[in-house]
Amino acid sequence: MKLELYTQPFCAPCVRTRLAVARVQELLPALEVEEINVVEQVERGEEMGITSTPVIRLLQEGTEKFRASQTPTINQLLSAIAGASD
């Protein structure tokens, strides 16, 4: 399972989301996490349809299984990962 986190440098919700993702990664060390700064990687953000941040995408074997554009709690994030793993 891979988690992509789309962020911007001066985004307060991005900071909270980054902390939640880091905690989940501690709990699930096999979870691959990639943070994409959409200011530095504009084209990639546009390709994925990112219009605001933060955005989380969960991918399984390259297929998007879940997308959220709000700051999740750790429990919400764990539930999304569990649901996407089915």
PDB file of N, CA and C in Angstrom:
ATOM      1  N   MET A   1       0.869  -1.178   0.000  1.00  0.00           N
ATOM      2  CA  MET A   1       0.000   0.000   0.000  1.00  0.00           C
ATOM      3  C   MET A   1       0.903   1.225   0.000  1.00  0.00           C
ATOM      4  N   LYS A   2       0.533   2.190  -0.818  1.00  0.00           N
ATOM      5  CA  LYS A   2       1.287   3.445  -0.895  1.00  0.00           C
ATOM      6  C   LYS A   2       0.344   4.607  -0.572  1.00  0.00           C
ATOM      7  N   LEU A   3       0.851   5.544   0.195  1.00  0.00           N
ATOM      8  CA  LEU A   3       0.106   6.751   0.515  1.00  0.00           C
ATOM      9  C   LEU A   3       0.839   7.927  -0.110  1.00  0.00           C
ATOM     10  N   GLU A   4       0.120   8.692  -0.910  1.00  0.00           N
ATOM     11  CA  GLU A   4       0.663   9.932  -1.458  1.00  0.00           C
ATOM     12  C   GLU A   4       0.010  11.085  -0.712  1.00  0.00           C
ATOM     13  N   LEU A   5       0.841  12.002  -0.235  1.00  0.00           N
ATOM     14  CA  LEU A   5       0.364  13.169   0.502  1.00  0.00           C
ATOM     15  C   LEU A   5       0.747  14.410  -0.287  1.00  0.00           C
ATOM     16  N   TYR A   6      -0.243  15.120  -0.792  1.00  0.00           N
ATOM     17  CA  TYR A   6      -0.023  16.349  -1.573  1.00  0.00           C
ATOM     18  C   TYR A   6      -0.137  17.540  -0.631  1.00  0.00           C
ATOM     19  N   THR A   7       0.923  18.354  -0.591  1.00  0.00           N
ATOM     20  CA  THR A   7       0.994  19.467   0.353  1.00  0.00           C
ATOM     21  C   THR A   7       1.543  20.722  -0.311  1.00  0.00           C
ATOM     22  N   GLN A   8       1.502  21.818   0.474  1.00  0.00           N
ATOM     23  CA  GLN A   8       2.129  23.087   0.119  1.00  0.00           C
ATOM     24  C   GLN A   8       2.929  23.551   1.340  1.00  0.00           C
ATOM     25  N   PRO A   9       3.967  24.352   1.139  1.00  0.00           N
ATOM     26  CA  PRO A   9       4.806  24.772   2.264  1.00  0.00           C
ATOM     27  C   PRO A   9       4.077  25.559   3.356  1.00  0.00           C
ATOM     28  N   PHE A  10       3.161  26.444   2.997  1.00  0.00           N
ATOM     29  CA  PHE A  10       2.539  27.317   4.002  1.00  0.00           C
ATOM     30  C   PHE A  10       1.083  26.951   4.258  1.00  0.00           C
ATOM     31  N   CYS A  11       0.826  25.681   4.397  1.00  0.00           N
ATOM     32  CA  CYS A  11      -0.525  25.152   4.575  1.00  0.00           C
ATOM     33  C   CYS A  11      -0.633  24.544   5.971  1.00  0.00           C
ATOM     34  N   ALA A  12      -1.364  25.215   6.871  1.00  0.00           N
ATOM     35  CA  ALA A  12      -1.493  24.721   8.253  1.00  0.00           C
ATOM     36  C   ALA A  12      -2.158  23.341   8.315  1.00  0.00           C
ATOM     37  N   PRO A  13      -3.234  23.098   7.563  1.00  0.00           N
ATOM     38  CA  PRO A  13      -3.804  21.751   7.588  1.00  0.00           C
ATOM     39  C   PRO A  13      -2.812  20.682   7.088  1.00  0.00           C
ATOM     40  N   CYS A  14      -1.909  21.082   6.198  1.00  0.00           N
ATOM     41  CA  CYS A  14      -0.897  20.139   5.700  1.00  0.00           C
ATOM     42  C   CYS A  14       0.023  19.691   6.832  1.00  0.00           C
ATOM     43  N   VAL A  15       0.350  20.599   7.726  1.00  0.00           N
ATOM     44  CA  VAL A  15       1.213  20.258   8.859  1.00  0.00           C
ATOM     45  C   VAL A  15       0.519  19.224   9.740  1.00  0.00           C
ATOM     46  N   ARG A  16      -0.755  19.439  10.044  1.00  0.00           N
ATOM     47  CA  ARG A  16      -1.506  18.492  10.875  1.00  0.00           C
ATOM     48  C   ARG A  16      -1.628  17.137  10.179  1.00  0.00           C
ATOM     49  N   THR A  17      -1.870  17.168   8.883  1.00  0.00           N
ATOM     50  CA  THR A  17      -1.996  15.922   8.118  1.00  0.00           C
ATOM     51  C   THR A  17      -0.661  15.190   8.083  1.00  0.00           C
ATOM     52  N   ARG A  18       0.415  15.917   7.880  1.00  0.00           N
ATOM     53  CA  ARG A  18       1.757  15.326   7.866  1.00  0.00           C
ATOM     54  C   ARG A  18       2.035  14.611   9.195  1.00  0.00           C
ATOM     55  N   LEU A  19       1.636  15.207  10.320  1.00  0.00           N
ATOM     56  CA  LEU A  19       1.836  14.592  11.637  1.00  0.00           C
ATOM     57  C   LEU A  19       1.012  13.314  11.781  1.00  0.00           C
ATOM     58  N   ALA A  20      -0.229  13.341  11.310  1.00  0.00           N
ATOM     59  CA  ALA A  20      -1.080  12.140  11.375  1.00  0.00           C
ATOM     60  C   ALA A  20      -0.499  11.031  10.509  1.00  0.00           C
ATOM     61  N   VAL A  21      -0.042  11.375   9.327  1.00  0.00           N
ATOM     62  CA  VAL A  21       0.549  10.384   8.426  1.00  0.00           C
ATOM     63  C   VAL A  21       1.811   9.790   9.044  1.00  0.00           C
ATOM     64  N   ALA A  22       2.639  10.624   9.665  1.00  0.00           N
ATOM     65  CA  ALA A  22       3.859  10.140  10.300  1.00  0.00           C
ATOM     66  C   ALA A  22       3.534   9.149  11.423  1.00  0.00           C
ATOM     67  N   ARG A  23       2.508   9.442  12.198  1.00  0.00           N
ATOM     68  CA  ARG A  23       2.114   8.537  13.291  1.00  0.00           C
ATOM     69  C   ARG A  23       1.614   7.212  12.725  1.00  0.00           C
ATOM     70  N   VAL A  24       0.818   7.271  11.672  1.00  0.00           N
ATOM     71  CA  VAL A  24       0.307   6.051  11.050  1.00  0.00           C
ATOM     72  C   VAL A  24       1.462   5.237  10.464  1.00  0.00           C
ATOM     73  N   GLN A  25       2.426   5.913   9.898  1.00  0.00           N
ATOM     74  CA  GLN A  25       3.577   5.207   9.344  1.00  0.00           C
ATOM     75  C   GLN A  25       4.377   4.509  10.451  1.00  0.00           C
ATOM     76  N   GLU A  26       4.412   5.091  11.651  1.00  0.00           N
ATOM     77  CA  GLU A  26       5.051   4.422  12.787  1.00  0.00           C
ATOM     78  C   GLU A  26       4.301   3.140  13.145  1.00  0.00           C
ATOM     79  N   LEU A  27       2.971   3.206  13.078  1.00  0.00           N
ATOM     80  CA  LEU A  27       2.142   2.043  13.411  1.00  0.00           C
ATOM     81  C   LEU A  27       2.161   0.987  12.308  1.00  0.00           C
ATOM     82  N   LEU A  28       2.309   1.431  11.068  1.00  0.00           N
ATOM     83  CA  LEU A  28       2.306   0.537   9.900  1.00  0.00           C
ATOM     84  C   LEU A  28       3.587   0.746   9.097  1.00  0.00           C
ATOM     85  N   PRO A  29       4.700   0.205   9.564  1.00  0.00           N
ATOM     86  CA  PRO A  29       5.978   0.477   8.907  1.00  0.00           C
ATOM     87  C   PRO A  29       6.047   0.018   7.444  1.00  0.00           C
ATOM     88  N   ALA A  30       5.189  -0.899   7.038  1.00  0.00           N
ATOM     89  CA  ALA A  30       5.191  -1.358   5.646  1.00  0.00           C
ATOM     90  C   ALA A  30       4.521  -0.348   4.708  1.00  0.00           C
ATOM     91  N   LEU A  31       3.838   0.637   5.266  1.00  0.00           N
ATOM     92  CA  LEU A  31       3.170   1.649   4.454  1.00  0.00           C
ATOM     93  C   LEU A  31       4.210   2.551   3.806  1.00  0.00           C
ATOM     94  N   GLU A  32       4.182   2.602   2.492  1.00  0.00           N
ATOM     95  CA  GLU A  32       5.081   3.485   1.752  1.00  0.00           C
ATOM     96  C   GLU A  32       4.427   4.862   1.670  1.00  0.00           C
ATOM     97  N   VAL A  33       5.149   5.892   2.057  1.00  0.00           N
ATOM     98  CA  VAL A  33       4.613   7.254   2.049  1.00  0.00           C
ATOM     99  C   VAL A  33       5.477   8.133   1.164  1.00  0.00           C
ATOM    100  N   GLU A  34       4.802   8.896   0.306  1.00  0.00           N
ATOM    101  CA  GLU A  34       5.490   9.875  -0.528  1.00  0.00           C
ATOM    102  C   GLU A  34       4.772  11.211  -0.371  1.00  0.00           C
ATOM    103  N   GLU A  35       5.519  12.235  -0.007  1.00  0.00           N
ATOM    104  CA  GLU A  35       4.949  13.579   0.087  1.00  0.00           C
ATOM    105  C   GLU A  35       5.302  14.340  -1.171  1.00  0.00           C
ATOM    106  N   ILE A  36       4.294  14.945  -1.778  1.00  0.00           N
ATOM    107  CA  ILE A  36       4.477  15.707  -3.007  1.00  0.00           C
ATOM    108  C   ILE A  36       4.131  17.160  -2.727  1.00  0.00           C
ATOM    109  N   ASN A  37       5.114  18.029  -2.843  1.00  0.00           N
ATOM    110  CA  ASN A  37       4.919  19.465  -2.682  1.00  0.00           C
ATOM    111  C   ASN A  37       4.407  19.989  -4.026  1.00  0.00           C
ATOM    112  N   VAL A  38       3.144  20.405  -4.071  1.00  0.00           N
ATOM    113  CA  VAL A  38       2.546  20.814  -5.344  1.00  0.00           C
ATOM    114  C   VAL A  38       3.061  22.161  -5.844  1.00  0.00           C
ATOM    115  N   VAL A  39       3.765  22.897  -5.003  1.00  0.00           N
ATOM    116  CA  VAL A  39       4.396  24.137  -5.455  1.00  0.00           C
ATOM    117  C   VAL A  39       5.635  23.798  -6.280  1.00  0.00           C
ATOM    118  N   GLU A  40       6.372  22.788  -5.831  1.00  0.00           N
ATOM    119  CA  GLU A  40       7.573  22.366  -6.548  1.00  0.00           C
ATOM    120  C   GLU A  40       7.258  21.423  -7.711  1.00  0.00           C
ATOM    121  N   GLN A  41       6.176  20.656  -7.587  1.00  0.00           N
ATOM    122  CA  GLN A  41       5.812  19.673  -8.603  1.00  0.00           C
ATOM    123  C   GLN A  41       4.422  19.986  -9.154  1.00  0.00           C
ATOM    124  N   VAL A  42       4.322  21.161  -9.750  1.00  0.00           N
ATOM    125  CA  VAL A  42       3.033  21.669 -10.243  1.00  0.00           C
ATOM    126  C   VAL A  42       2.390  20.696 -11.224  1.00  0.00           C
ATOM    127  N   GLU A  43       3.155  20.210 -12.184  1.00  0.00           N
ATOM    128  CA  GLU A  43       2.594  19.319 -13.206  1.00  0.00           C
ATOM    129  C   GLU A  43       2.011  18.050 -12.593  1.00  0.00           C
ATOM    130  N   ARG A  44       2.703  17.493 -11.628  1.00  0.00           N
ATOM    131  CA  ARG A  44       2.208  16.269 -10.999  1.00  0.00           C
ATOM    132  C   ARG A  44       0.894  16.529 -10.275  1.00  0.00           C
ATOM    133  N   GLY A  45       0.811  17.648  -9.569  1.00  0.00           N
ATOM    134  CA  GLY A  45      -0.438  18.004  -8.905  1.00  0.00           C
ATOM    135  C   GLY A  45      -1.571  18.185  -9.893  1.00  0.00           C
ATOM    136  N   GLU A  46      -1.284  18.843 -11.012  1.00  0.00           N
ATOM    137  CA  GLU A  46      -2.304  19.041 -12.040  1.00  0.00           C
ATOM    138  C   GLU A  46      -2.746  17.716 -12.647  1.00  0.00           C
ATOM    139  N   GLU A  47      -1.798  16.825 -12.899  1.00  0.00           N
ATOM    140  CA  GLU A  47      -2.125  15.507 -13.460  1.00  0.00           C
ATOM    141  C   GLU A  47      -3.075  14.728 -12.556  1.00  0.00           C
ATOM    142  N   MET A  48      -2.915  14.893 -11.253  1.00  0.00           N
ATOM    143  CA  MET A  48      -3.742  14.163 -10.293  1.00  0.00           C
ATOM    144  C   MET A  48      -5.013  14.919  -9.921  1.00  0.00           C
ATOM    145  N   GLY A  49      -5.219  16.096 -10.492  1.00  0.00           N
ATOM    146  CA  GLY A  49      -6.425  16.872 -10.216  1.00  0.00           C
ATOM    147  C   GLY A  49      -6.438  17.501  -8.839  1.00  0.00           C
ATOM    148  N   ILE A  50      -5.268  17.826  -8.318  1.00  0.00           N
ATOM    149  CA  ILE A  50      -5.173  18.429  -6.987  1.00  0.00           C
ATOM    150  C   ILE A  50      -5.453  19.924  -7.117  1.00  0.00           C
ATOM    151  N   THR A  51      -6.539  20.374  -6.500  1.00  0.00           N
ATOM    152  CA  THR A  51      -6.919  21.787  -6.572  1.00  0.00           C
ATOM    153  C   THR A  51      -6.801  22.490  -5.221  1.00  0.00           C
ATOM    154  N   SER A  52      -6.609  21.711  -4.151  1.00  0.00           N
ATOM    155  CA  SER A  52      -6.407  22.265  -2.818  1.00  0.00           C
ATOM    156  C   SER A  52      -5.565  21.256  -2.039  1.00  0.00           C
ATOM    157  N   THR A  53      -5.026  21.701  -0.931  1.00  0.00           N
ATOM    158  CA  THR A  53      -4.217  20.796  -0.111  1.00  0.00           C
ATOM    159  C   THR A  53      -4.679  20.859   1.331  1.00  0.00           C
ATOM    160  N   PRO A  54      -4.469  19.825   2.118  1.00  0.00           N
ATOM    161  CA  PRO A  54      -3.801  18.580   1.780  1.00  0.00           C
ATOM    162  C   PRO A  54      -4.734  17.604   1.073  1.00  0.00           C
ATOM    163  N   VAL A  55      -4.144  16.716   0.307  1.00  0.00           N
ATOM    164  CA  VAL A  55      -4.863  15.609  -0.314  1.00  0.00           C
ATOM    165  C   VAL A  55      -4.079  14.344  -0.039  1.00  0.00           C
ATOM    166  N   ILE A  56      -4.811  13.305   0.341  1.00  0.00           N
ATOM    167  CA  ILE A  56      -4.222  11.988   0.556  1.00  0.00           C
ATOM    168  C   ILE A  56      -4.794  11.045  -0.485  1.00  0.00           C
ATOM    169  N   ARG A  57      -3.907  10.298  -1.126  1.00  0.00           N
ATOM    170  CA  ARG A  57      -4.316   9.239  -2.049  1.00  0.00           C
ATOM    171  C   ARG A  57      -3.723   7.933  -1.547  1.00  0.00           C
ATOM    172  N   LEU A  58      -4.557   6.906  -1.462  1.00  0.00           N
ATOM    173  CA  LEU A  58      -4.073   5.574  -1.135  1.00  0.00           C
ATOM    174  C   LEU A  58      -4.084   4.750  -2.410  1.00  0.00           C
ATOM    175  N   LEU A  59      -2.951   4.138  -2.704  1.00  0.00           N
ATOM    176  CA  LEU A  59      -2.797   3.358  -3.925  1.00  0.00           C
ATOM    177  C   LEU A  59      -2.426   1.920  -3.586  1.00  0.00           C
ATOM    178  N   GLN A  60      -3.037   1.021  -4.308  1.00  0.00           N
ATOM    179  CA  GLN A  60      -2.658  -0.385  -4.187  1.00  0.00           C
ATOM    180  C   GLN A  60      -2.322  -0.871  -5.578  1.00  0.00           C
ATOM    181  N   GLU A  61      -1.070  -1.261  -5.763  1.00  0.00           N
ATOM    182  CA  GLU A  61      -0.564  -1.700  -7.060  1.00  0.00           C
ATOM    183  C   GLU A  61      -0.832  -0.648  -8.142  1.00  0.00           C
ATOM    184  N   GLY A  62      -0.648   0.615  -7.784  1.00  0.00           N
ATOM    185  CA  GLY A  62      -0.785   1.712  -8.725  1.00  0.00           C
ATOM    186  C   GLY A  62      -2.205   2.209  -8.955  1.00  0.00           C
ATOM    187  N   THR A  63      -3.200   1.545  -8.368  1.00  0.00           N
ATOM    188  CA  THR A  63      -4.596   1.931  -8.532  1.00  0.00           C
ATOM    189  C   THR A  63      -5.073   2.710  -7.316  1.00  0.00           C
ATOM    190  N   GLU A  64      -5.666   3.873  -7.560  1.00  0.00           N
ATOM    191  CA  GLU A  64      -6.195   4.669  -6.453  1.00  0.00           C
ATOM    192  C   GLU A  64      -7.373   3.954  -5.821  1.00  0.00           C
ATOM    193  N   LYS A  65      -7.262   3.732  -4.515  1.00  0.00           N
ATOM    194  CA  LYS A  65      -8.324   3.062  -3.757  1.00  0.00           C
ATOM    195  C   LYS A  65      -9.080   4.025  -2.856  1.00  0.00           C
ATOM    196  N   PHE A  66      -8.467   5.172  -2.557  1.00  0.00           N
ATOM    197  CA  PHE A  66      -9.086   6.129  -1.629  1.00  0.00           C
ATOM    198  C   PHE A  66      -8.446   7.485  -1.856  1.00  0.00           C
ATOM    199  N   ARG A  67      -9.265   8.537  -1.736  1.00  0.00           N
ATOM    200  CA  ARG A  67      -8.764   9.915  -1.818  1.00  0.00           C
ATOM    201  C   ARG A  67      -9.535  10.763  -0.815  1.00  0.00           C
ATOM    202  N   ALA A  68      -8.811  11.618  -0.112  1.00  0.00           N
ATOM    203  CA  ALA A  68      -9.442  12.535   0.839  1.00  0.00           C
ATOM    204  C   ALA A  68      -8.749  13.876   0.763  1.00  0.00           C
ATOM    205  N   SER A  69      -9.527  14.935   0.946  1.00  0.00           N
ATOM    206  CA  SER A  69      -8.964  16.282   0.857  1.00  0.00           C
ATOM    207  C   SER A  69      -9.128  17.069   2.149  1.00  0.00           C
ATOM    208  N   GLN A  70      -9.276  16.366   3.244  1.00  0.00           N
ATOM    209  CA  GLN A  70      -9.359  17.026   4.543  1.00  0.00           C
ATOM    210  C   GLN A  70      -8.319  16.423   5.463  1.00  0.00           C
ATOM    211  N   THR A  71      -8.036  17.089   6.559  1.00  0.00           N
ATOM    212  CA  THR A  71      -7.081  16.572   7.533  1.00  0.00           C
ATOM    213  C   THR A  71      -7.739  15.437   8.303  1.00  0.00           C
ATOM    214  N   PRO A  72      -7.200  14.224   8.181  1.00  0.00           N
ATOM    215  CA  PRO A  72      -7.810  13.091   8.883  1.00  0.00           C
ATOM    216  C   PRO A  72      -7.254  12.942  10.294  1.00  0.00           C
ATOM    217  N   THR A  73      -8.020  12.278  11.133  1.00  0.00           N
ATOM    218  CA  THR A  73      -7.480  11.836  12.407  1.00  0.00           C
ATOM    219  C   THR A  73      -6.681  10.561  12.131  1.00  0.00           C
ATOM    220  N   ILE A  74      -5.913  10.146  13.088  1.00  0.00           N
ATOM    221  CA  ILE A  74      -5.153   8.899  12.941  1.00  0.00           C
ATOM    222  C   ILE A  74      -6.111   7.737  12.736  1.00  0.00           C
ATOM    223  N   ASN A  75      -7.200   7.695  13.498  1.00  0.00           N
ATOM    224  CA  ASN A  75      -8.177   6.605  13.362  1.00  0.00           C
ATOM    225  C   ASN A  75      -8.840   6.612  11.992  1.00  0.00           C
ATOM    226  N   GLN A  76      -9.179   7.779  11.486  1.00  0.00           N
ATOM    227  CA  GLN A  76      -9.782   7.855  10.148  1.00  0.00           C
ATOM    228  C   GLN A  76      -8.805   7.343   9.090  1.00  0.00           C
ATOM    229  N   LEU A  77      -7.561   7.707   9.231  1.00  0.00           N
ATOM    230  CA  LEU A  77      -6.548   7.278   8.284  1.00  0.00           C
ATOM    231  C   LEU A  77      -6.343   5.764   8.348  1.00  0.00           C
ATOM    232  N   LEU A  78      -6.285   5.213   9.556  1.00  0.00           N
ATOM    233  CA  LEU A  78      -6.160   3.758   9.695  1.00  0.00           C
ATOM    234  C   LEU A  78      -7.368   3.036   9.112  1.00  0.00           C
ATOM    235  N   SER A  79      -8.564   3.579   9.316  1.00  0.00           N
ATOM    236  CA  SER A  79      -9.773   2.977   8.744  1.00  0.00           C
ATOM    237  C   SER A  79      -9.752   3.011   7.228  1.00  0.00           C
ATOM    238  N   ALA A  80      -9.298   4.123   6.662  1.00  0.00           N
ATOM    239  CA  ALA A  80      -9.220   4.245   5.207  1.00  0.00           C
ATOM    240  C   ALA A  80      -8.233   3.233   4.640  1.00  0.00           C
ATOM    241  N   ILE A  81      -7.108   3.060   5.317  1.00  0.00           N
ATOM    242  CA  ILE A  81      -6.107   2.091   4.861  1.00  0.00           C
ATOM    243  C   ILE A  81      -6.674   0.678   4.941  1.00  0.00           C
ATOM    244  N   ALA A  82      -7.356   0.376   6.029  1.00  0.00           N
ATOM    245  CA  ALA A  82      -7.955  -0.951   6.172  1.00  0.00           C
ATOM    246  C   ALA A  82      -8.999  -1.199   5.081  1.00  0.00           C
ATOM    247  N   GLY A  83      -9.831  -0.180   4.808  1.00  0.00           N
ATOM    248  CA  GLY A  83     -10.845  -0.316   3.767  1.00  0.00           C
ATOM    249  C   GLY A  83     -10.257  -0.453   2.381  1.00  0.00           C
ATOM    250  N   ALA A  84      -9.173   0.247   2.132  1.00  0.00           N
ATOM    251  CA  ALA A  84      -8.531   0.189   0.817  1.00  0.00           C
ATOM    252  C   ALA A  84      -7.780  -1.119   0.610  1.00  0.00           C
ATOM    253  N   SER A  85      -7.457  -1.793   1.702  1.00  0.00           N
ATOM    254  CA  SER A  85      -6.693  -3.037   1.610  1.00  0.00           C
ATOM    255  C   SER A  85      -7.578  -4.245   1.305  1.00  0.00           C
ATOM    256  N   ASP A  86      -8.882  -4.077   1.423  1.00  0.00           N
ATOM    257  CA  ASP A  86      -9.803  -5.212   1.175  1.00  0.00           C
ATOM    258  C   ASP A  86      -9.750  -5.698  -0.245  1.00  0.00           C
TER     259      ASP A  86
END
